[in-house]
Amino acid sequence: MNGQLPKAWNEMVEKLSFVPAVVKAIEKIHDTSWSASADKHDHYEMVYVKKGTATFAIDGIDVNMVPNSVVIIKPHKAHKFIVTSESCELIVLYFKLNGKKDGSHDSLTDFMDYIEDESSGSHIYLKLSKKNDIVHVMSRILRERMKFQLWGDFLSCLLIMELFVLLSRALKQEWEQNSKNRNLKLHELLNIAKEYIDNNYAKELTLSQVAKYIYLSDSYFAHSFKDKFGISPKSYILKVRIEAAKELLENTDLKISDVAFSVGFSSQQRFNDIFRKYTEVTPLKFRQQKKTEKINRE
């Protein structure tokens, strides 16, 4: 860095888990005639689209870029940029994260650890508003890199740290919103599954069939269903069948075996075992009790 820096700088560097460094910041305008081969490098590349549209092919995934969108491409990920409008105006920022001597904190995941999974993959995409603070800070970094003034590198470093804070907030907000949307959709799907069981318990019904009906994996469906209703899907199916069997035993003269088959059990023996587990009496004993109660009432 040029010139003498404040003494506080060294102290701040010592306390940081990582020190961001701007490699390059440029502004570009391309049209559809522009082309380049796939690129791969050891630093992060952050691209903001000011005007126009484009597609980034990143590690085999197409990312459609529109005005006021940002993509951060992680190191060592092959990517190619294709303009899809008459012209496309961009701000491109290349940066590295220089960790402490122990080598820790060498990736963006350190300031995005609130994200629960690896779904960000090879890149991170955000849709911003035109006057978003992230865009403002990127523009300031670009101006500083172009001016070559005293302490310009120092200020660029501070600005990129501010950029990381803003990115973290934006990503957290987006994740929380997506989580709410996922939870809302999951809530609806589980209600549909419950209604499906209520309407189809008499058929040969399995957990896999119900999960497939609402396009969820068996394990995720079973876990989510129990979280929402406090009972596993398998237990709920049996509970619904037993409740239906109790109605038939009390209000009809159907044979026990016919009752068993009517509510979805494949054998009378299994029906007897499950019924006794849930009611502590056999189906026959339950029917006799209900008849006795009815006579006493009359």
C-alpha atoms as a PDB file:
ATOM      1  CA  MET A   1       0.000   0.000   0.000  1.00  0.00           C
ATOM      2  CA  ASN A   2       1.186   3.543  -0.725  1.00  0.00           C
ATOM      3  CA  GLY A   3       1.915   6.019   2.071  1.00  0.00           C
ATOM      4  CA  GLN A   4       1.913   5.551   5.781  1.00  0.00           C
ATOM      5  CA  LEU A   5      -1.167   3.767   7.119  1.00  0.00           C
ATOM      6  CA  PRO A   6      -2.833   4.396  10.494  1.00  0.00           C
ATOM      7  CA  LYS A   7      -1.401   2.385  13.393  1.00  0.00           C
ATOM      8  CA  ALA A   8      -4.873   0.961  13.996  1.00  0.00           C
ATOM      9  CA  TRP A   9      -4.585  -0.886  10.697  1.00  0.00           C
ATOM     10  CA  ASN A  10      -2.103  -3.468  11.970  1.00  0.00           C
ATOM     11  CA  GLU A  11      -4.188  -4.031  15.087  1.00  0.00           C
ATOM     12  CA  MET A  12      -7.313  -4.557  13.005  1.00  0.00           C
ATOM     13  CA  VAL A  13      -5.534  -7.012  10.702  1.00  0.00           C
ATOM     14  CA  GLU A  14      -4.374  -9.033  13.701  1.00  0.00           C
ATOM     15  CA  LYS A  15      -7.941  -9.349  14.983  1.00  0.00           C
ATOM     16  CA  LEU A  16      -9.518 -10.339  11.667  1.00  0.00           C
ATOM     17  CA  SER A  17     -10.171 -13.966  10.745  1.00  0.00           C
ATOM     18  CA  PHE A  18      -9.390 -13.050   7.153  1.00  0.00           C
ATOM     19  CA  VAL A  19      -8.319  -9.951   5.239  1.00  0.00           C
ATOM     20  CA  PRO A  20     -10.047  -9.385   1.895  1.00  0.00           C
ATOM     21  CA  ALA A  21      -7.935  -8.108  -0.973  1.00  0.00           C
ATOM     22  CA  VAL A  22      -9.276  -6.647  -4.205  1.00  0.00           C
ATOM     23  CA  VAL A  23      -7.424  -8.180  -7.125  1.00  0.00           C
ATOM     24  CA  LYS A  24      -9.102  -6.120  -9.813  1.00  0.00           C
ATOM     25  CA  ALA A  25     -12.233  -4.038 -10.329  1.00  0.00           C
ATOM     26  CA  ILE A  26     -13.414  -3.149 -13.810  1.00  0.00           C
ATOM     27  CA  GLU A  27     -16.455  -1.897 -15.678  1.00  0.00           C
ATOM     28  CA  LYS A  28     -17.352  -3.627 -18.950  1.00  0.00           C
ATOM     29  CA  ILE A  29     -19.819  -3.222 -21.793  1.00  0.00           C
ATOM     30  CA  HIS A  30     -20.259  -6.177 -24.154  1.00  0.00           C
ATOM     31  CA  ASP A  31     -22.600  -6.951 -27.037  1.00  0.00           C
ATOM     32  CA  THR A  32     -23.648 -10.244 -28.596  1.00  0.00           C
ATOM     33  CA  SER A  33     -20.596 -10.277 -30.882  1.00  0.00           C
ATOM     34  CA  TRP A  34     -18.288 -10.633 -27.872  1.00  0.00           C
ATOM     35  CA  SER A  35     -17.160 -14.106 -26.942  1.00  0.00           C
ATOM     36  CA  ALA A  36     -14.534 -15.747 -24.768  1.00  0.00           C
ATOM     37  CA  SER A  37     -13.535 -19.265 -23.812  1.00  0.00           C
ATOM     38  CA  ALA A  38     -14.361 -20.716 -20.399  1.00  0.00           C
ATOM     39  CA  ASP A  39     -12.252 -19.247 -17.610  1.00  0.00           C
ATOM     40  CA  LYS A  40     -11.067 -20.588 -14.254  1.00  0.00           C
ATOM     41  CA  HIS A  41      -8.963 -18.815 -11.603  1.00  0.00           C
ATOM     42  CA  ASP A  42      -7.928 -18.949  -7.944  1.00  0.00           C
ATOM     43  CA  HIS A  43      -9.925 -15.923  -6.761  1.00  0.00           C
ATOM     44  CA  TYR A  44     -13.552 -14.949  -6.369  1.00  0.00           C
ATOM     45  CA  GLU A  45     -15.326 -13.146  -9.190  1.00  0.00           C
ATOM     46  CA  MET A  46     -18.325 -10.967  -8.392  1.00  0.00           C
ATOM     47  CA  VAL A  47     -20.354  -9.688 -11.346  1.00  0.00           C
ATOM     48  CA  TYR A  48     -23.123  -7.087 -11.166  1.00  0.00           C
ATOM     49  CA  VAL A  49     -25.312  -6.484 -14.228  1.00  0.00           C
ATOM     50  CA  LYS A  50     -26.246  -2.814 -14.542  1.00  0.00           C
ATOM     51  CA  LYS A  51     -28.029  -3.052 -17.900  1.00  0.00           C
ATOM     52  CA  GLY A  52     -28.926  -5.828 -20.327  1.00  0.00           C
ATOM     53  CA  THR A  53     -29.109  -9.574 -19.879  1.00  0.00           C
ATOM     54  CA  ALA A  54     -26.595 -12.392 -20.033  1.00  0.00           C
ATOM     55  CA  THR A  55     -26.066 -16.023 -19.124  1.00  0.00           C
ATOM     56  CA  PHE A  56     -23.230 -17.366 -17.015  1.00  0.00           C
ATOM     57  CA  ALA A  57     -22.402 -21.025 -17.603  1.00  0.00           C
ATOM     58  CA  ILE A  58     -20.826 -21.923 -14.242  1.00  0.00           C
ATOM     59  CA  ASP A  59     -19.559 -25.439 -13.654  1.00  0.00           C
ATOM     60  CA  GLY A  60     -22.188 -26.801 -16.042  1.00  0.00           C
ATOM     61  CA  ILE A  61     -25.054 -24.704 -14.644  1.00  0.00           C
ATOM     62  CA  ASP A  62     -26.649 -21.839 -16.589  1.00  0.00           C
ATOM     63  CA  VAL A  63     -27.301 -18.720 -14.483  1.00  0.00           C
ATOM     64  CA  ASN A  64     -29.542 -16.140 -16.170  1.00  0.00           C
ATOM     65  CA  MET A  65     -28.442 -12.616 -15.293  1.00  0.00           C
ATOM     66  CA  VAL A  66     -30.855  -9.684 -15.475  1.00  0.00           C
ATOM     67  CA  PRO A  67     -30.449  -5.997 -14.551  1.00  0.00           C
ATOM     68  CA  ASN A  68     -29.547  -5.500 -10.862  1.00  0.00           C
ATOM     69  CA  SER A  69     -28.534  -9.119 -10.350  1.00  0.00           C
ATOM     70  CA  VAL A  70     -25.261 -10.284  -8.791  1.00  0.00           C
ATOM     71  CA  VAL A  71     -23.393 -13.560  -9.070  1.00  0.00           C
ATOM     72  CA  ILE A  72     -20.333 -14.544  -7.028  1.00  0.00           C
ATOM     73  CA  ILE A  73     -18.293 -17.286  -8.664  1.00  0.00           C
ATOM     74  CA  LYS A  74     -16.136 -19.320  -6.314  1.00  0.00           C
ATOM     75  CA  PRO A  75     -12.451 -20.057  -7.048  1.00  0.00           C
ATOM     76  CA  HIS A  76     -11.458 -22.825  -9.462  1.00  0.00           C
ATOM     77  CA  LYS A  77     -14.933 -23.017 -11.023  1.00  0.00           C
ATOM     78  CA  ALA A  78     -15.034 -22.996 -14.818  1.00  0.00           C
ATOM     79  CA  HIS A  79     -17.323 -20.293 -16.142  1.00  0.00           C
ATOM     80  CA  LYS A  80     -18.240 -18.622 -19.412  1.00  0.00           C
ATOM     81  CA  PHE A  81     -20.153 -15.393 -20.025  1.00  0.00           C
ATOM     82  CA  ILE A  82     -22.651 -15.081 -22.902  1.00  0.00           C
ATOM     83  CA  VAL A  83     -24.444 -11.806 -23.716  1.00  0.00           C
ATOM     84  CA  THR A  84     -28.134 -12.352 -24.533  1.00  0.00           C
ATOM     85  CA  SER A  85     -29.242  -8.749 -25.181  1.00  0.00           C
ATOM     86  CA  GLU A  86     -28.022  -6.079 -27.627  1.00  0.00           C
ATOM     87  CA  SER A  87     -25.534  -4.898 -25.010  1.00  0.00           C
ATOM     88  CA  CYS A  88     -24.706  -5.709 -21.405  1.00  0.00           C
ATOM     89  CA  GLU A  89     -23.127  -3.317 -18.891  1.00  0.00           C
ATOM     90  CA  LEU A  90     -21.285  -4.897 -15.955  1.00  0.00           C
ATOM     91  CA  ILE A  91     -19.228  -4.175 -12.876  1.00  0.00           C
ATOM     92  CA  VAL A  92     -16.768  -6.997 -12.202  1.00  0.00           C
ATOM     93  CA  LEU A  93     -14.885  -7.386  -8.946  1.00  0.00           C
ATOM     94  CA  TYR A  94     -12.119  -9.933  -8.380  1.00  0.00           C
ATOM     95  CA  PHE A  95     -11.041 -10.569  -4.799  1.00  0.00           C
ATOM     96  CA  LYS A  96      -9.223 -12.976  -2.507  1.00  0.00           C
ATOM     97  CA  LEU A  97      -9.606 -13.790   1.175  1.00  0.00           C
ATOM     98  CA  ASN A  98      -6.220 -13.871   2.838  1.00  0.00           C
ATOM     99  CA  GLY A  99      -6.522 -15.907   6.032  1.00  0.00           C
ATOM    100  CA  LYS A 100      -4.413 -15.766   9.175  1.00  0.00           C
ATOM    101  CA  LYS A 101      -1.141 -17.640   9.349  1.00  0.00           C
ATOM    102  CA  ASP A 102      -3.006 -20.696  10.602  1.00  0.00           C
ATOM    103  CA  GLY A 103      -4.712 -20.864   7.193  1.00  0.00           C
ATOM    104  CA  SER A 104      -8.251 -20.599   8.528  1.00  0.00           C
ATOM    105  CA  HIS A 105     -11.165 -18.826   6.888  1.00  0.00           C
ATOM    106  CA  ASP A 106     -10.149 -19.251   3.302  1.00  0.00           C
ATOM    107  CA  SER A 107     -13.609 -19.192   1.708  1.00  0.00           C
ATOM    108  CA  LEU A 108     -16.833 -17.234   1.576  1.00  0.00           C
ATOM    109  CA  THR A 109     -18.580 -19.834   3.725  1.00  0.00           C
ATOM    110  CA  ASP A 110     -17.070 -18.232   6.840  1.00  0.00           C
ATOM    111  CA  PHE A 111     -19.358 -15.228   6.636  1.00  0.00           C
ATOM    112  CA  MET A 112     -22.303 -17.275   5.354  1.00  0.00           C
ATOM    113  CA  ASP A 113     -22.298 -20.015   8.007  1.00  0.00           C
ATOM    114  CA  TYR A 114     -25.954 -19.381   8.797  1.00  0.00           C
ATOM    115  CA  ILE A 115     -26.815 -21.225   5.571  1.00  0.00           C
ATOM    116  CA  GLU A 116     -27.713 -24.773   6.613  1.00  0.00           C
ATOM    117  CA  ASP A 117     -26.711 -26.711   3.533  1.00  0.00           C
ATOM    118  CA  GLU A 118     -24.361 -26.813   0.550  1.00  0.00           C
ATOM    119  CA  SER A 119     -26.990 -25.626  -1.916  1.00  0.00           C
ATOM    120  CA  SER A 120     -24.990 -22.534  -2.934  1.00  0.00           C
ATOM    121  CA  GLY A 121     -22.738 -24.859  -4.927  1.00  0.00           C
ATOM    122  CA  SER A 122     -20.217 -23.240  -7.276  1.00  0.00           C
ATOM    123  CA  HIS A 123     -21.756 -19.780  -7.136  1.00  0.00           C
ATOM    124  CA  ILE A 124     -24.077 -17.458  -5.239  1.00  0.00           C
ATOM    125  CA  TYR A 125     -26.836 -15.495  -6.962  1.00  0.00           C
ATOM    126  CA  LEU A 126     -28.742 -12.471  -5.689  1.00  0.00           C
ATOM    127  CA  LYS A 127     -31.368 -10.176  -7.216  1.00  0.00           C
ATOM    128  CA  LEU A 128     -30.981  -6.636  -5.901  1.00  0.00           C
ATOM    129  CA  SER A 129     -32.817  -3.349  -6.134  1.00  0.00           C
ATOM    130  CA  LYS A 130     -31.277  -0.624  -8.297  1.00  0.00           C
ATOM    131  CA  LYS A 131     -30.324   1.536  -5.296  1.00  0.00           C
ATOM    132  CA  ASN A 132     -29.089  -1.350  -3.155  1.00  0.00           C
ATOM    133  CA  ASP A 133     -26.144  -0.619  -0.833  1.00  0.00           C
ATOM    134  CA  ILE A 134     -24.229  -3.559  -2.320  1.00  0.00           C
ATOM    135  CA  VAL A 135     -24.252  -1.892  -5.725  1.00  0.00           C
ATOM    136  CA  HIS A 136     -23.211   1.427  -4.175  1.00  0.00           C
ATOM    137  CA  VAL A 137     -20.200  -0.159  -2.417  1.00  0.00           C
ATOM    138  CA  MET A 138     -19.139  -2.036  -5.565  1.00  0.00           C
ATOM    139  CA  SER A 139     -19.203   1.256  -7.468  1.00  0.00           C
ATOM    140  CA  ARG A 140     -17.067   2.937  -4.780  1.00  0.00           C
ATOM    141  CA  ILE A 141     -14.523   0.099  -4.928  1.00  0.00           C
ATOM    142  CA  LEU A 142     -14.390   0.528  -8.699  1.00  0.00           C
ATOM    143  CA  ARG A 143     -13.749   4.280  -8.375  1.00  0.00           C
ATOM    144  CA  GLU A 144     -11.034   3.774  -5.755  1.00  0.00           C
ATOM    145  CA  ARG A 145      -9.241   1.242  -7.925  1.00  0.00           C
ATOM    146  CA  MET A 146      -9.286   3.642 -10.844  1.00  0.00           C
ATOM    147  CA  LYS A 147      -8.004   6.711  -8.924  1.00  0.00           C
ATOM    148  CA  PHE A 148      -4.767   5.244  -7.462  1.00  0.00           C
ATOM    149  CA  GLN A 149      -4.857   7.711  -4.568  1.00  0.00           C
ATOM    150  CA  LEU A 150      -3.115   7.620  -1.202  1.00  0.00           C
ATOM    151  CA  TRP A 151      -4.404   4.733   0.955  1.00  0.00           C
ATOM    152  CA  GLY A 152      -6.557   3.591  -1.946  1.00  0.00           C
ATOM    153  CA  ASP A 153      -5.816  -0.096  -1.242  1.00  0.00           C
ATOM    154  CA  PHE A 154      -6.565   0.458   2.434  1.00  0.00           C
ATOM    155  CA  LEU A 155      -9.931   2.051   1.633  1.00  0.00           C
ATOM    156  CA  SER A 156     -10.714  -0.662  -0.925  1.00  0.00           C
ATOM    157  CA  CYS A 157     -10.114  -3.282   1.751  1.00  0.00           C
ATOM    158  CA  LEU A 158     -12.447  -1.513   4.175  1.00  0.00           C
ATOM    159  CA  LEU A 159     -15.064  -1.182   1.445  1.00  0.00           C
ATOM    160  CA  ILE A 160     -14.911  -4.865   0.536  1.00  0.00           C
ATOM    161  CA  MET A 161     -15.311  -5.748   4.221  1.00  0.00           C
ATOM    162  CA  GLU A 162     -18.421  -3.559   4.225  1.00  0.00           C
ATOM    163  CA  LEU A 163     -19.499  -5.368   1.066  1.00  0.00           C
ATOM    164  CA  PHE A 164     -19.180  -8.732   2.869  1.00  0.00           C
ATOM    165  CA  VAL A 165     -21.400  -7.513   5.706  1.00  0.00           C
ATOM    166  CA  LEU A 166     -24.034  -6.331   3.235  1.00  0.00           C
ATOM    167  CA  LEU A 167     -23.833  -9.588   1.284  1.00  0.00           C
ATOM    168  CA  SER A 168     -24.229 -11.587   4.475  1.00  0.00           C
ATOM    169  CA  ARG A 169     -27.339  -9.610   5.424  1.00  0.00           C
ATOM    170  CA  ALA A 170     -28.836  -9.927   1.945  1.00  0.00           C
ATOM    171  CA  LEU A 171     -28.155 -13.665   1.767  1.00  0.00           C
ATOM    172  CA  LYS A 172     -29.561 -14.209   5.246  1.00  0.00           C
ATOM    173  CA  GLN A 173     -32.721 -12.284   4.346  1.00  0.00           C
ATOM    174  CA  GLU A 174     -33.124 -14.266   1.136  1.00  0.00           C
ATOM    175  CA  TRP A 175     -32.545 -17.573   2.924  1.00  0.00           C
ATOM    176  CA  GLU A 176     -35.102 -16.692   5.602  1.00  0.00           C
ATOM    177  CA  GLN A 177     -37.665 -15.746   2.955  1.00  0.00           C
ATOM    178  CA  ASN A 178     -37.013 -18.950   1.017  1.00  0.00           C
ATOM    179  CA  SER A 179     -37.286 -20.895   4.262  1.00  0.00           C
ATOM    180  CA  LYS A 180     -40.680 -19.314   4.974  1.00  0.00           C
ATOM    181  CA  ASN A 181     -41.845 -20.181   1.470  1.00  0.00           C
ATOM    182  CA  ARG A 182     -40.571 -23.741   1.814  1.00  0.00           C
ATOM    183  CA  ASN A 183     -42.249 -24.121   5.203  1.00  0.00           C
ATOM    184  CA  LEU A 184     -45.522 -22.779   3.811  1.00  0.00           C
ATOM    185  CA  LYS A 185     -45.394 -25.164   0.881  1.00  0.00           C
ATOM    186  CA  LEU A 186     -44.416 -28.078   3.124  1.00  0.00           C
ATOM    187  CA  HIS A 187     -47.304 -27.234   5.474  1.00  0.00           C
ATOM    188  CA  GLU A 188     -49.722 -27.445   2.545  1.00  0.00           C
ATOM    189  CA  LEU A 189     -48.208 -30.691   1.254  1.00  0.00           C
ATOM    190  CA  LEU A 190     -48.452 -32.379   4.656  1.00  0.00           C
ATOM    191  CA  ASN A 191     -52.120 -31.395   4.957  1.00  0.00           C
ATOM    192  CA  ILE A 192     -52.682 -32.904   1.508  1.00  0.00           C
ATOM    193  CA  ALA A 193     -50.925 -36.096   2.629  1.00  0.00           C
ATOM    194  CA  LYS A 194     -53.066 -36.305   5.752  1.00  0.00           C
ATOM    195  CA  GLU A 195     -56.232 -35.841   3.715  1.00  0.00           C
ATOM    196  CA  TYR A 196     -55.004 -38.482   1.260  1.00  0.00           C
ATOM    197  CA  ILE A 197     -54.595 -40.970   4.104  1.00  0.00           C
ATOM    198  CA  ASP A 198     -58.049 -40.095   5.490  1.00  0.00           C
ATOM    199  CA  ASN A 199     -59.609 -40.822   2.106  1.00  0.00           C
ATOM    200  CA  ASN A 200     -57.583 -43.906   1.156  1.00  0.00           C
ATOM    201  CA  TYR A 201     -56.865 -45.776   4.415  1.00  0.00           C
ATOM    202  CA  ALA A 202     -58.983 -48.732   3.268  1.00  0.00           C
ATOM    203  CA  LYS A 203     -56.614 -49.384   0.355  1.00  0.00           C
ATOM    204  CA  GLU A 204     -53.220 -51.035   0.489  1.00  0.00           C
ATOM    205  CA  LEU A 205     -51.491 -47.855   1.628  1.00  0.00           C
ATOM    206  CA  THR A 206     -47.792 -47.497   2.422  1.00  0.00           C
ATOM    207  CA  LEU A 207     -45.598 -44.632   3.581  1.00  0.00           C
ATOM    208  CA  SER A 208     -43.829 -44.632   0.202  1.00  0.00           C
ATOM    209  CA  GLN A 209     -47.107 -44.281  -1.674  1.00  0.00           C
ATOM    210  CA  VAL A 210     -48.154 -41.272   0.400  1.00  0.00           C
ATOM    211  CA  ALA A 211     -44.719 -39.649   0.117  1.00  0.00           C
ATOM    212  CA  LYS A 212     -44.727 -40.164  -3.638  1.00  0.00           C
ATOM    213  CA  TYR A 213     -48.193 -38.595  -3.855  1.00  0.00           C
ATOM    214  CA  ILE A 214     -46.810 -35.262  -2.597  1.00  0.00           C
ATOM    215  CA  TYR A 215     -43.384 -35.628  -4.300  1.00  0.00           C
ATOM    216  CA  LEU A 216     -41.268 -35.970  -1.139  1.00  0.00           C
ATOM    217  CA  SER A 217     -38.703 -38.586  -0.199  1.00  0.00           C
ATOM    218  CA  ASP A 218     -39.818 -41.241   2.283  1.00  0.00           C
ATOM    219  CA  SER A 219     -37.466 -40.135   5.053  1.00  0.00           C
ATOM    220  CA  TYR A 220     -38.125 -36.399   4.659  1.00  0.00           C
ATOM    221  CA  PHE A 221     -41.871 -36.970   4.514  1.00  0.00           C
ATOM    222  CA  ALA A 222     -41.852 -39.199   7.616  1.00  0.00           C
ATOM    223  CA  HIS A 223     -39.754 -36.706   9.607  1.00  0.00           C
ATOM    224  CA  SER A 224     -41.804 -33.669   8.522  1.00  0.00           C
ATOM    225  CA  PHE A 225     -45.160 -35.396   9.101  1.00  0.00           C
ATOM    226  CA  LYS A 226     -44.209 -36.344  12.655  1.00  0.00           C
ATOM    227  CA  ASP A 227     -42.936 -32.817  13.357  1.00  0.00           C
ATOM    228  CA  LYS A 228     -46.223 -31.303  12.223  1.00  0.00           C
ATOM    229  CA  PHE A 229     -48.790 -33.779  13.583  1.00  0.00           C
ATOM    230  CA  GLY A 230     -46.908 -35.406  16.459  1.00  0.00           C
ATOM    231  CA  ILE A 231     -47.343 -38.894  15.025  1.00  0.00           C
ATOM    232  CA  SER A 232     -45.523 -40.877  12.352  1.00  0.00           C
ATOM    233  CA  PRO A 233     -47.303 -41.489   9.011  1.00  0.00           C
ATOM    234  CA  LYS A 234     -47.360 -45.241   9.619  1.00  0.00           C
ATOM    235  CA  SER A 235     -48.901 -44.807  13.053  1.00  0.00           C
ATOM    236  CA  TYR A 236     -51.417 -42.317  11.686  1.00  0.00           C
ATOM    237  CA  ILE A 237     -52.517 -44.757   8.970  1.00  0.00           C
ATOM    238  CA  LEU A 238     -53.074 -47.442  11.615  1.00  0.00           C
ATOM    239  CA  LYS A 239     -54.868 -44.985  13.893  1.00  0.00           C
ATOM    240  CA  VAL A 240     -57.278 -43.967  11.117  1.00  0.00           C
ATOM    241  CA  ARG A 241     -57.944 -47.614  10.285  1.00  0.00           C
ATOM    242  CA  ILE A 242     -58.635 -48.496  13.911  1.00  0.00           C
ATOM    243  CA  GLU A 243     -61.031 -45.558  14.316  1.00  0.00           C
ATOM    244  CA  ALA A 244     -62.888 -46.650  11.168  1.00  0.00           C
ATOM    245  CA  ALA A 245     -62.972 -50.248  12.445  1.00  0.00           C
ATOM    246  CA  LYS A 246     -64.457 -49.117  15.768  1.00  0.00           C
ATOM    247  CA  GLU A 247     -67.290 -47.404  13.891  1.00  0.00           C
ATOM    248  CA  LEU A 248     -68.027 -50.565  11.904  1.00  0.00           C
ATOM    249  CA  LEU A 249     -67.842 -52.838  14.947  1.00  0.00           C
ATOM    250  CA  GLU A 250     -70.239 -50.658  16.876  1.00  0.00           C
ATOM    251  CA  ASN A 251     -72.743 -49.834  14.148  1.00  0.00           C
ATOM    252  CA  THR A 252     -72.773 -52.874  11.827  1.00  0.00           C
ATOM    253  CA  ASP A 253     -73.018 -56.649  12.037  1.00  0.00           C
ATOM    254  CA  LEU A 254     -70.096 -57.277   9.681  1.00  0.00           C
ATOM    255  CA  LYS A 255     -67.881 -60.223  10.522  1.00  0.00           C
ATOM    256  CA  ILE A 256     -64.617 -59.338  12.235  1.00  0.00           C
ATOM    257  CA  SER A 257     -62.701 -60.526   9.173  1.00  0.00           C
ATOM    258  CA  ASP A 258     -64.832 -58.346   6.893  1.00  0.00           C
ATOM    259  CA  VAL A 259     -64.250 -55.341   9.155  1.00  0.00           C
ATOM    260  CA  ALA A 260     -60.495 -55.971   8.976  1.00  0.00           C
ATOM    261  CA  PHE A 261     -60.466 -56.072   5.182  1.00  0.00           C
ATOM    262  CA  SER A 262     -62.816 -53.079   4.945  1.00  0.00           C
ATOM    263  CA  VAL A 263     -60.395 -50.787   6.757  1.00  0.00           C
ATOM    264  CA  GLY A 264     -57.274 -51.881   4.898  1.00  0.00           C
ATOM    265  CA  PHE A 265     -55.779 -54.775   6.899  1.00  0.00           C
ATOM    266  CA  SER A 266     -54.455 -57.704   4.891  1.00  0.00           C
ATOM    267  CA  SER A 267     -55.314 -60.305   7.534  1.00  0.00           C
ATOM    268  CA  GLN A 268     -57.652 -60.694  10.491  1.00  0.00           C
ATOM    269  CA  GLN A 269     -54.790 -61.727  12.738  1.00  0.00           C
ATOM    270  CA  ARG A 270     -52.862 -58.520  12.095  1.00  0.00           C
ATOM    271  CA  PHE A 271     -56.062 -56.540  12.584  1.00  0.00           C
ATOM    272  CA  ASN A 272     -56.661 -58.247  15.929  1.00  0.00           C
ATOM    273  CA  ASP A 273     -53.096 -57.523  17.081  1.00  0.00           C
ATOM    274  CA  ILE A 274     -53.118 -53.851  16.069  1.00  0.00           C
ATOM    275  CA  PHE A 275     -56.635 -53.285  17.395  1.00  0.00           C
ATOM    276  CA  ARG A 276     -55.714 -54.710  20.759  1.00  0.00           C
ATOM    277  CA  LYS A 277     -52.552 -52.583  20.855  1.00  0.00           C
ATOM    278  CA  TYR A 278     -54.558 -49.401  20.340  1.00  0.00           C
ATOM    279  CA  THR A 279     -57.655 -50.216  22.443  1.00  0.00           C
ATOM    280  CA  GLU A 280     -56.367 -52.858  24.901  1.00  0.00           C
ATOM    281  CA  VAL A 281     -59.271 -55.146  23.946  1.00  0.00           C
ATOM    282  CA  THR A 282     -59.939 -57.499  21.027  1.00  0.00           C
ATOM    283  CA  PRO A 283     -62.342 -56.447  18.248  1.00  0.00           C
ATOM    284  CA  LEU A 284     -64.892 -58.983  19.502  1.00  0.00           C
ATOM    285  CA  LYS A 285     -64.648 -57.739  23.088  1.00  0.00           C
ATOM    286  CA  PHE A 286     -64.995 -54.130  21.876  1.00  0.00           C
ATOM    287  CA  ARG A 287     -68.189 -55.016  19.979  1.00  0.00           C
ATOM    288  CA  GLN A 288     -69.630 -56.786  23.006  1.00  0.00           C
ATOM    289  CA  GLN A 289     -68.857 -53.802  25.244  1.00  0.00           C
ATOM    290  CA  LYS A 290     -70.582 -51.397  22.885  1.00  0.00           C
ATOM    291  CA  LYS A 291     -73.661 -53.615  22.661  1.00  0.00           C
ATOM    292  CA  THR A 292     -73.823 -53.778  26.469  1.00  0.00           C
ATOM    293  CA  GLU A 293     -73.494 -49.990  26.722  1.00  0.00           C
ATOM    294  CA  LYS A 294     -76.284 -49.553  24.182  1.00  0.00           C
ATOM    295  CA  ILE A 295     -78.640 -51.917  26.048  1.00  0.00           C
ATOM    296  CA  ASN A 296     -77.939 -50.141  29.331  1.00  0.00           C
ATOM    297  CA  ARG A 297     -78.697 -46.774  27.755  1.00  0.00           C
ATOM    298  CA  GLU A 298     -81.964 -48.029  26.348  1.00  0.00           C
END
